[in-house]
Amino acid sequence: MKVFKFGGASVKDADSVRNVLSVLKKVGYHNTLVVVSAMGKTTNALEVVIKQYIDKNPDLKQTITELRTNHKAILTDLFEGSNHPISETINAIFDDLSLLLDRNKSPKYDYIYDQVVSYGEIISTTILSAYFDFKGITNEWLDARTLIKTDSTYRDAKVDWKETQAAILNNINKKSLTITQGFIGADTNNFTTTLGREGSDYSAGIFAYCLNAESVSIWKDVPGVLNGDPRVFEDTKLLNQISYEEAIELAFYGASVIHPKTLQPLQQKEIPLYVKSFLNPEGSGTAVSKGQTLEPFIPCFIVKKNQVLISLSSLDFSFIVEENISEVFSLFHKYQIKVDLIQNSAISFSVCVDNKFGHLDKLITELKANFKVSYEENVSLYTIRHFNNEAATTLEAGKEILLKQLGTETYQIVTKQ
């Protein structure tokens, strides 16, 4: 069985949905599980809905109406203006979203977030499945929340692999075309959970692992994995082959093409991952598998923006020792702060971190109880894997460097944005 994942850009409008069908016809769709994200910028729009709901903003109903109207326009285009039953189905899903917000009693942001944003994937897959049926392509739509079982860590749920594998094997027909959602699962109380932003790639990896899939293909608007984001770096090149280990390294440092958690389950069963272009589905793309580290072997450039650089030193100028570092990392864990770079000396300790859960202020307050603390927000972390002097010199040009770190294979700088 093959697992295909299509992201938001690949289903952003009616033409894009038609193209997904075209891709499947070219590459084959039997014995295939298709994992789909929300359409276009729907997740961003639903994040606005959440903020307006929490802020009691009177524009909330209008925002939901606009989102409903956008999807209705896609339906009208896809189904050639016919009065297709899918219109009533999508309206009912939007009504359910409004009802959820009316009845919700929880004040917890992360819980509300997961219940609301999941509607994006439910809507997109419902539309895709109905369109395939409309075009004579038999398929089965499945709710990923009945398949991927997790704990209750909302916005970053941990998978219960035993329960998930049982649910997937009991519900998916390996000989058919199945359409399901990326990004979402459910906890033991059947409340919706999400696997972290960009978690649809991870969903594809989970399904592939549990199904012992032949391969996973992630369909993007780029020809494959490039050695840098072409929106940031010039003269980027296609990487034909990457080993699992190298891909995990690139993902850890922030390469956006492959989700950091996607590769571990695939590596365990040596399931190859292909990153291909939905604009050119018959192109070779990039293969991520066991074997050659990198082909061609060239520097790879990564940038993570909107980071925070935190510098600590002891209040009495004593050494920063293991006990201090353990205390600091305990606080990082407590406040869900991801550490992307560490540098320490005898009396100081610096980290570049990601504050995606918004808990920085609480962290700083606790750190100040035992350390002298300084920090700078909105910095950028640049990483070069397999760097050389030319690549490092080019990257440094014109930047105000706050911190620099060199390893055998990896070069990193923190700069002002």
Protein backbone atom coordinates (compact mmCIF):
# COMPACT_ATOMS: atom_id res chain seq x y z
CA MET A 1 0.00 0.00 0.00
CA LYS A 2 1.11 3.56 -0.71
CA VAL A 3 0.49 6.65 1.42
CA PHE A 4 0.14 10.05 -0.26
CA LYS A 5 0.00 13.34 1.60
CA PHE A 6 -1.35 16.53 0.03
CA GLY A 7 -0.83 19.80 1.90
CA GLY A 8 -2.92 22.94 1.98
CA ALA A 9 -1.33 24.47 -1.11
CA SER A 10 -2.30 21.43 -3.17
CA VAL A 11 -6.03 21.79 -2.32
CA LYS A 12 -6.27 25.58 -1.98
CA ASP A 13 -8.98 26.04 -4.64
CA ALA A 14 -11.11 24.17 -7.19
CA ASP A 15 -8.34 23.96 -9.80
CA SER A 16 -5.99 22.53 -7.17
CA VAL A 17 -8.50 19.85 -6.18
CA ARG A 18 -8.90 18.92 -9.84
CA ASN A 19 -5.12 18.70 -10.07
CA VAL A 20 -4.99 16.24 -7.14
CA LEU A 21 -7.28 13.94 -9.11
CA SER A 22 -5.07 14.42 -12.18
CA VAL A 23 -1.97 13.51 -10.15
CA LEU A 24 -3.60 10.33 -8.86
CA LYS A 25 -4.67 9.30 -12.35
CA LYS A 26 -1.08 9.72 -13.57
CA VAL A 27 0.67 7.87 -10.76
CA GLY A 28 -2.07 5.40 -9.76
CA TYR A 29 -4.49 5.41 -6.86
CA HIS A 30 -5.35 1.78 -6.11
CA ASN A 31 -4.16 0.44 -2.74
CA THR A 32 -3.62 4.04 -1.68
CA LEU A 33 -4.29 6.08 1.45
CA VAL A 34 -4.51 9.84 0.82
CA VAL A 35 -3.84 12.16 3.78
CA VAL A 36 -5.05 15.72 3.23
CA SER A 37 -4.54 19.06 5.01
CA ALA A 38 -6.98 21.96 5.31
CA MET A 39 -7.51 24.02 2.16
CA GLY A 40 -5.05 26.85 1.55
CA LYS A 41 -4.93 29.23 4.51
CA THR A 42 -7.96 27.75 6.28
CA THR A 43 -5.98 26.85 9.42
CA ASN A 44 -4.82 30.48 9.69
CA ALA A 45 -8.43 31.65 9.29
CA LEU A 46 -9.58 29.25 12.01
CA GLU A 47 -6.86 30.61 14.30
CA VAL A 48 -8.47 34.03 13.81
CA VAL A 49 -11.82 32.46 14.74
CA ILE A 50 -10.29 31.15 17.97
CA LYS A 51 -8.81 34.53 18.89
CA GLN A 52 -12.06 36.32 18.18
CA TYR A 53 -13.97 33.75 20.23
CA ILE A 54 -11.67 34.15 23.23
CA ASP A 55 -11.66 37.96 22.91
CA LYS A 56 -15.48 37.97 22.50
CA ASN A 57 -14.96 39.90 19.27
CA PRO A 58 -18.29 40.73 17.57
CA ASP A 59 -16.70 39.98 14.16
CA LEU A 60 -16.59 36.25 14.99
CA LYS A 61 -19.79 35.31 13.13
CA GLN A 62 -18.71 37.32 10.09
CA THR A 63 -15.33 35.54 9.99
CA ILE A 64 -17.04 32.14 10.04
CA THR A 65 -19.46 33.32 7.34
CA GLU A 66 -16.54 34.40 5.12
CA LEU A 67 -14.87 31.02 5.59
CA ARG A 68 -18.13 29.28 4.72
CA THR A 69 -18.53 31.48 1.63
CA ASN A 70 -14.98 30.70 0.44
CA HIS A 71 -15.60 26.97 0.63
CA LYS A 72 -19.00 27.35 -1.01
CA ALA A 73 -17.32 29.07 -3.99
CA ILE A 74 -14.98 26.08 -4.34
CA LEU A 75 -17.97 23.72 -4.26
CA THR A 76 -19.82 25.71 -6.93
CA ASP A 77 -16.77 25.57 -9.20
CA LEU A 78 -15.98 21.88 -8.57
CA PHE A 79 -19.48 20.55 -8.96
CA GLU A 80 -20.23 22.70 -12.00
CA GLY A 81 -22.92 24.72 -10.26
CA SER A 82 -25.11 21.69 -9.68
CA ASN A 83 -27.16 21.41 -6.51
CA HIS A 84 -24.93 18.66 -5.15
CA PRO A 85 -25.74 17.22 -1.68
CA ILE A 86 -22.18 18.07 -0.57
CA SER A 87 -23.30 21.70 -0.14
CA GLU A 88 -25.70 20.70 2.63
CA THR A 89 -23.02 18.51 4.20
CA ILE A 90 -20.48 21.35 4.34
CA ASN A 91 -23.11 23.76 5.67
CA ALA A 92 -23.88 21.26 8.44
CA ILE A 93 -20.18 21.06 9.36
CA PHE A 94 -19.99 24.87 9.65
CA ASP A 95 -23.18 24.86 11.73
CA ASP A 96 -21.53 22.30 13.98
CA LEU A 97 -18.50 24.59 14.40
CA SER A 98 -20.77 27.48 15.49
CA LEU A 99 -22.62 25.15 17.89
CA LEU A 100 -19.32 23.97 19.39
CA LEU A 101 -18.33 27.57 20.15
CA ASP A 102 -21.76 28.32 21.64
CA ARG A 103 -21.65 25.30 23.95
CA ASN A 104 -17.96 25.29 24.92
CA LYS A 105 -17.32 25.71 28.65
CA SER A 106 -13.55 25.21 28.71
CA PRO A 107 -11.35 28.30 29.16
CA LYS A 108 -8.22 26.43 28.04
CA TYR A 109 -6.77 27.86 24.84
CA ASP A 110 -4.97 24.70 23.70
CA TYR A 111 -8.12 22.59 24.10
CA ILE A 112 -10.26 25.14 22.20
CA TYR A 113 -7.58 25.38 19.51
CA ASP A 114 -7.66 21.67 18.72
CA GLN A 115 -11.45 21.43 18.66
CA VAL A 116 -11.73 24.36 16.23
CA VAL A 117 -8.80 24.01 13.81
CA SER A 118 -9.65 20.38 13.10
CA TYR A 119 -12.66 21.55 11.09
CA GLY A 120 -10.31 22.61 8.30
CA GLU A 121 -9.19 19.04 7.61
CA ILE A 122 -12.69 17.59 8.05
CA ILE A 123 -14.07 20.03 5.47
CA SER A 124 -11.26 19.63 2.91
CA THR A 125 -11.37 15.83 2.94
CA THR A 126 -15.17 15.78 2.77
CA ILE A 127 -15.02 17.96 -0.35
CA LEU A 128 -12.22 15.91 -1.93
CA SER A 129 -14.00 12.62 -1.31
CA ALA A 130 -17.28 13.92 -2.75
CA TYR A 131 -15.50 15.32 -5.82
CA PHE A 132 -13.80 11.98 -6.49
CA ASP A 133 -17.19 10.27 -6.27
CA PHE A 134 -18.62 12.92 -8.59
CA LYS A 135 -15.91 12.02 -11.11
CA GLY A 136 -16.49 8.29 -10.79
CA ILE A 137 -13.51 7.51 -8.55
CA THR A 138 -14.72 5.22 -5.78
CA ASN A 139 -13.19 6.02 -2.41
CA GLU A 140 -13.77 5.66 1.30
CA TRP A 141 -13.69 8.67 3.63
CA LEU A 142 -12.45 7.96 7.16
CA ASP A 143 -12.27 10.24 10.20
CA ALA A 144 -8.66 10.23 11.42
CA ARG A 145 -9.92 10.87 14.96
CA THR A 146 -11.20 7.28 15.03
CA LEU A 147 -7.81 6.03 13.87
CA ILE A 148 -5.01 8.07 15.48
CA LYS A 149 -5.26 7.76 19.25
CA THR A 150 -3.28 10.15 21.45
CA ASP A 151 -2.88 11.53 24.93
CA SER A 152 -4.49 14.83 25.92
CA THR A 153 -1.54 17.14 25.25
CA TYR A 154 -3.55 19.52 23.10
CA ARG A 155 -1.71 21.17 20.18
CA ASP A 156 1.18 18.69 20.50
CA ALA A 157 -0.39 15.31 21.21
CA LYS A 158 1.64 12.13 21.73
CA VAL A 159 0.54 9.06 19.80
CA ASP A 160 -0.63 5.89 21.55
CA TRP A 161 0.96 3.54 19.05
CA LYS A 162 -0.70 0.34 20.27
CA GLU A 163 -4.24 1.74 20.12
CA THR A 164 -3.52 3.57 16.87
CA GLN A 165 -2.17 0.50 15.09
CA ALA A 166 -5.17 -1.58 16.13
CA ALA A 167 -7.64 1.09 14.96
CA ILE A 168 -5.88 1.55 11.60
CA LEU A 169 -5.59 -2.15 10.82
CA ASN A 170 -9.23 -2.76 11.78
CA ASN A 171 -10.67 0.09 9.71
CA ILE A 172 -8.60 0.64 6.57
CA ASN A 173 -9.13 -1.49 3.48
CA LYS A 174 -5.67 -1.85 1.97
CA LYS A 175 -7.08 -2.63 -1.47
CA SER A 176 -9.14 0.54 -1.89
CA LEU A 177 -8.61 4.30 -2.18
CA THR A 178 -9.02 5.86 1.26
CA ILE A 179 -9.17 9.59 2.06
CA THR A 180 -8.47 10.85 5.55
CA GLN A 181 -7.16 13.88 7.42
CA GLY A 182 -3.68 14.88 8.43
CA PHE A 183 -2.81 16.71 11.66
CA ILE A 184 -5.67 15.42 13.85
CA GLY A 185 -6.38 12.58 16.26
CA ALA A 186 -8.41 12.04 19.42
CA ASP A 187 -7.73 11.31 23.08
CA THR A 188 -9.36 8.67 25.30
CA ASN A 189 -12.36 10.98 25.87
CA ASN A 190 -12.79 11.36 22.08
CA PHE A 191 -11.88 15.03 22.23
CA THR A 192 -9.99 16.16 19.14
CA THR A 193 -6.22 16.56 19.45
CA THR A 194 -3.63 17.84 16.98
CA LEU A 195 -0.10 16.63 16.34
CA GLY A 196 1.58 20.04 16.13
CA ARG A 197 1.63 22.58 13.31
CA GLU A 198 2.53 20.95 9.98
CA GLY A 199 1.62 17.63 11.59
CA SER A 200 -0.03 16.25 8.44
CA ASP A 201 3.35 14.92 7.32
CA TYR A 202 3.59 13.12 10.67
CA SER A 203 0.11 11.67 10.15
CA ALA A 204 1.30 10.19 6.85
CA GLY A 205 4.26 8.63 8.66
CA ILE A 206 1.99 7.17 11.35
CA PHE A 207 -0.35 5.59 8.79
CA ALA A 208 2.56 4.22 6.77
CA TYR A 209 4.16 2.64 9.85
CA CYS A 210 0.94 1.00 10.99
CA LEU A 211 0.07 -0.25 7.49
CA ASN A 212 3.61 -1.42 6.64
CA ALA A 213 3.29 0.77 3.56
CA GLU A 214 5.46 0.41 0.49
CA SER A 215 6.26 4.15 0.50
CA VAL A 216 5.12 7.63 1.50
CA SER A 217 4.90 10.48 -1.01
CA ILE A 218 4.54 14.07 0.16
CA TRP A 219 3.24 16.28 -2.65
CA LYS A 220 4.51 19.87 -2.59
CA ASP A 221 4.65 22.94 -4.83
CA VAL A 222 8.44 22.49 -5.10
CA PRO A 223 10.33 19.86 -7.17
CA GLY A 224 11.52 18.06 -4.02
CA VAL A 225 13.79 18.84 -1.09
CA LEU A 226 16.03 21.78 -1.96
CA ASN A 227 19.23 22.74 -0.17
CA GLY A 228 17.51 25.89 1.07
CA ASP A 229 14.16 27.68 1.06
CA PRO A 230 14.06 29.45 -2.34
CA ARG A 231 12.04 32.28 -0.76
CA VAL A 232 15.03 33.07 1.48
CA PHE A 233 18.16 31.75 -0.23
CA GLU A 234 19.39 32.23 -3.80
CA ASP A 235 20.46 29.57 -6.30
CA THR A 236 18.95 26.62 -4.42
CA LYS A 237 19.49 23.10 -5.81
CA LEU A 238 17.45 19.91 -5.74
CA LEU A 239 18.69 17.15 -3.45
CA ASN A 240 18.14 13.84 -5.24
CA GLN A 241 18.79 11.57 -2.26
CA ILE A 242 18.93 12.06 1.51
CA SER A 243 19.46 9.42 4.17
CA TYR A 244 16.97 9.15 7.03
CA GLU A 245 19.63 10.37 9.44
CA GLU A 246 20.47 13.42 7.38
CA ALA A 247 16.80 14.26 6.83
CA ILE A 248 16.19 14.05 10.58
CA GLU A 249 19.13 16.41 11.16
CA LEU A 250 17.76 18.88 8.59
CA ALA A 251 14.28 18.65 10.10
CA PHE A 252 15.63 19.19 13.63
CA TYR A 253 17.36 22.39 12.55
CA GLY A 254 14.14 23.66 10.97
CA ALA A 255 14.01 22.56 7.32
CA SER A 256 10.36 23.14 6.48
CA VAL A 257 9.83 20.53 3.77
CA ILE A 258 9.74 17.53 6.15
CA HIS A 259 8.14 17.59 9.61
CA PRO A 260 10.64 16.66 12.35
CA LYS A 261 8.56 13.76 13.72
CA THR A 262 7.67 12.26 10.34
CA LEU A 263 10.86 10.34 9.74
CA GLN A 264 11.30 8.27 12.92
CA PRO A 265 8.47 5.77 12.26
CA LEU A 266 9.50 5.47 8.60
CA GLN A 267 13.13 4.81 9.51
CA GLN A 268 12.16 2.04 11.92
CA LYS A 269 10.60 0.02 9.08
CA GLU A 270 12.82 1.43 6.30
CA ILE A 271 9.82 2.84 4.43
CA PRO A 272 11.10 5.26 1.76
CA LEU A 273 9.74 8.80 1.69
CA TYR A 274 9.45 10.71 -1.58
CA VAL A 275 9.01 14.47 -1.75
CA LYS A 276 7.53 15.30 -5.15
CA SER A 277 5.88 18.16 -7.01
CA PHE A 278 2.13 18.09 -7.61
CA LEU A 279 2.87 20.46 -10.51
CA ASN A 280 5.13 17.86 -12.14
CA PRO A 281 4.05 14.49 -10.67
CA GLU A 282 6.21 12.44 -12.99
CA GLY A 283 9.40 14.27 -11.94
CA SER A 284 11.97 12.34 -9.90
CA GLY A 285 11.66 14.47 -6.74
CA THR A 286 13.74 13.62 -3.67
CA ALA A 287 14.08 10.16 -2.12
CA VAL A 288 14.60 9.91 1.64
CA SER A 289 15.71 6.39 2.49
CA LYS A 290 18.48 4.24 3.86
CA GLY A 291 21.71 4.85 2.00
CA GLN A 292 23.78 7.76 0.79
CA THR A 293 23.87 10.70 3.18
CA LEU A 294 23.33 13.43 0.62
CA GLU A 295 23.36 13.54 -3.17
CA PRO A 296 24.66 15.94 -4.34
CA PHE A 297 26.86 16.59 -1.30
CA ILE A 298 26.49 20.39 -0.92
CA PRO A 299 25.86 22.86 1.93
CA CYS A 300 22.22 23.00 3.09
CA PHE A 301 20.84 26.30 4.40
CA ILE A 302 18.08 26.62 7.01
CA VAL A 303 16.57 29.60 8.80
CA LYS A 304 14.21 29.76 11.78
CA LYS A 305 12.76 33.21 12.40
CA ASN A 306 10.97 34.72 15.39
CA GLN A 307 13.27 32.97 17.85
CA VAL A 308 14.32 34.15 21.32
CA LEU A 309 17.95 34.36 22.48
CA ILE A 310 18.20 33.91 26.26
CA SER A 311 21.43 34.43 28.17
CA LEU A 312 21.84 33.33 31.80
CA SER A 313 24.59 33.80 34.35
CA SER A 314 24.77 33.02 38.05
CA LEU A 315 23.86 35.79 40.47
CA ASP A 316 27.11 35.37 42.42
CA PHE A 317 29.41 34.68 39.44
CA SER A 318 29.78 31.03 40.45
CA PHE A 319 30.14 28.33 37.82
CA ILE A 320 27.17 27.17 35.79
CA VAL A 321 27.23 23.45 36.60
CA GLU A 322 25.13 20.37 35.85
CA GLU A 323 22.65 21.12 38.63
CA ASN A 324 21.96 24.60 37.21
CA ILE A 325 21.56 23.29 33.67
CA SER A 326 19.20 20.56 34.88
CA GLU A 327 17.08 23.20 36.62
CA VAL A 328 16.94 25.35 33.47
CA PHE A 329 15.91 22.46 31.21
CA SER A 330 13.25 21.44 33.69
CA LEU A 331 11.71 24.89 33.23
CA PHE A 332 11.97 24.62 29.43
CA HIS A 333 10.02 21.39 29.63
CA LYS A 334 7.46 22.88 32.03
CA TYR A 335 6.71 25.76 29.68
CA GLN A 336 6.96 23.79 26.39
CA ILE A 337 9.95 25.82 25.18
CA LYS A 338 11.90 24.09 22.39
CA VAL A 339 15.65 24.67 22.52
CA ASP A 340 17.32 25.00 19.11
CA LEU A 341 20.87 26.00 20.10
CA ILE A 342 22.94 25.84 23.30
CA GLN A 343 26.20 27.57 24.15
CA ASN A 344 27.79 27.72 27.58
CA SER A 345 30.93 28.86 29.34
CA ALA A 346 32.06 28.61 32.95
CA ILE A 347 29.72 31.35 34.22
CA SER A 348 27.17 31.84 31.43
CA PHE A 349 24.65 29.82 29.48
CA SER A 350 22.93 30.92 26.25
CA VAL A 351 20.09 29.26 24.36
CA CYS A 352 18.11 30.09 21.24
CA VAL A 353 14.54 28.92 21.72
CA ASP A 354 11.17 28.70 20.01
CA ASN A 355 8.29 30.31 21.95
CA LYS A 356 5.44 28.88 19.86
CA PHE A 357 3.24 28.22 22.90
CA GLY A 358 3.61 31.78 24.21
CA HIS A 359 4.96 30.92 27.67
CA LEU A 360 8.13 33.03 27.50
CA ASP A 361 7.09 35.59 30.15
CA LYS A 362 6.37 32.88 32.73
CA LEU A 363 9.70 31.20 31.95
CA ILE A 364 11.69 34.44 32.31
CA THR A 365 9.99 35.20 35.64
CA GLU A 366 11.04 31.84 37.09
CA LEU A 367 14.56 32.03 35.68
CA LYS A 368 15.11 35.44 37.30
CA ALA A 369 14.62 33.88 40.73
CA ASN A 370 17.99 32.12 40.45
CA PHE A 371 19.85 33.67 37.52
CA LYS A 372 20.80 36.96 35.98
CA VAL A 373 18.76 36.92 32.77
CA SER A 374 18.87 38.87 29.53
CA TYR A 375 16.94 38.00 26.39
CA GLU A 376 16.22 39.28 22.91
CA GLU A 377 13.09 38.39 20.98
CA ASN A 378 12.53 38.25 17.21
CA VAL A 379 15.97 36.93 16.32
CA SER A 380 16.77 34.55 13.45
CA LEU A 381 18.67 31.28 13.74
CA TYR A 382 20.59 30.33 10.59
CA THR A 383 22.05 26.85 10.17
CA ILE A 384 24.33 25.44 7.46
CA ARG A 385 24.70 21.67 7.33
CA HIS A 386 27.95 20.52 5.64
CA PHE A 387 29.22 24.10 5.59
CA ASN A 388 32.33 25.41 3.93
CA ASN A 389 34.06 28.78 4.27
CA GLU A 390 32.41 30.20 1.18
CA ALA A 391 28.91 29.28 2.40
CA ALA A 392 29.57 30.72 5.87
CA THR A 393 31.02 33.98 4.52
CA THR A 394 28.10 34.44 2.14
CA LEU A 395 25.56 33.85 4.92
CA GLU A 396 27.21 36.28 7.35
CA ALA A 397 27.29 39.16 4.87
CA GLY A 398 25.24 42.16 6.04
CA LYS A 399 23.96 40.51 9.24
CA GLU A 400 24.33 41.60 12.85
CA ILE A 401 25.54 38.43 14.54
CA LEU A 402 24.60 37.92 18.20
CA LEU A 403 26.01 34.39 18.61
CA LYS A 404 28.03 31.97 16.48
CA GLN A 405 28.68 28.25 16.88
CA LEU A 406 30.67 25.83 14.71
CA GLY A 407 30.74 22.05 14.82
CA THR A 408 32.30 19.46 12.54
CA GLU A 409 29.39 19.46 10.09
CA THR A 410 27.14 22.25 11.31
CA TYR A 411 27.53 26.04 11.43
CA GLN A 412 24.96 28.23 13.24
CA ILE A 413 24.53 31.95 13.83
CA VAL A 414 21.88 33.92 15.67
CA THR A 415 21.20 37.33 14.13
CA LYS A 416 18.89 40.26 14.55
CA GLN A 417 16.02 40.02 12.06
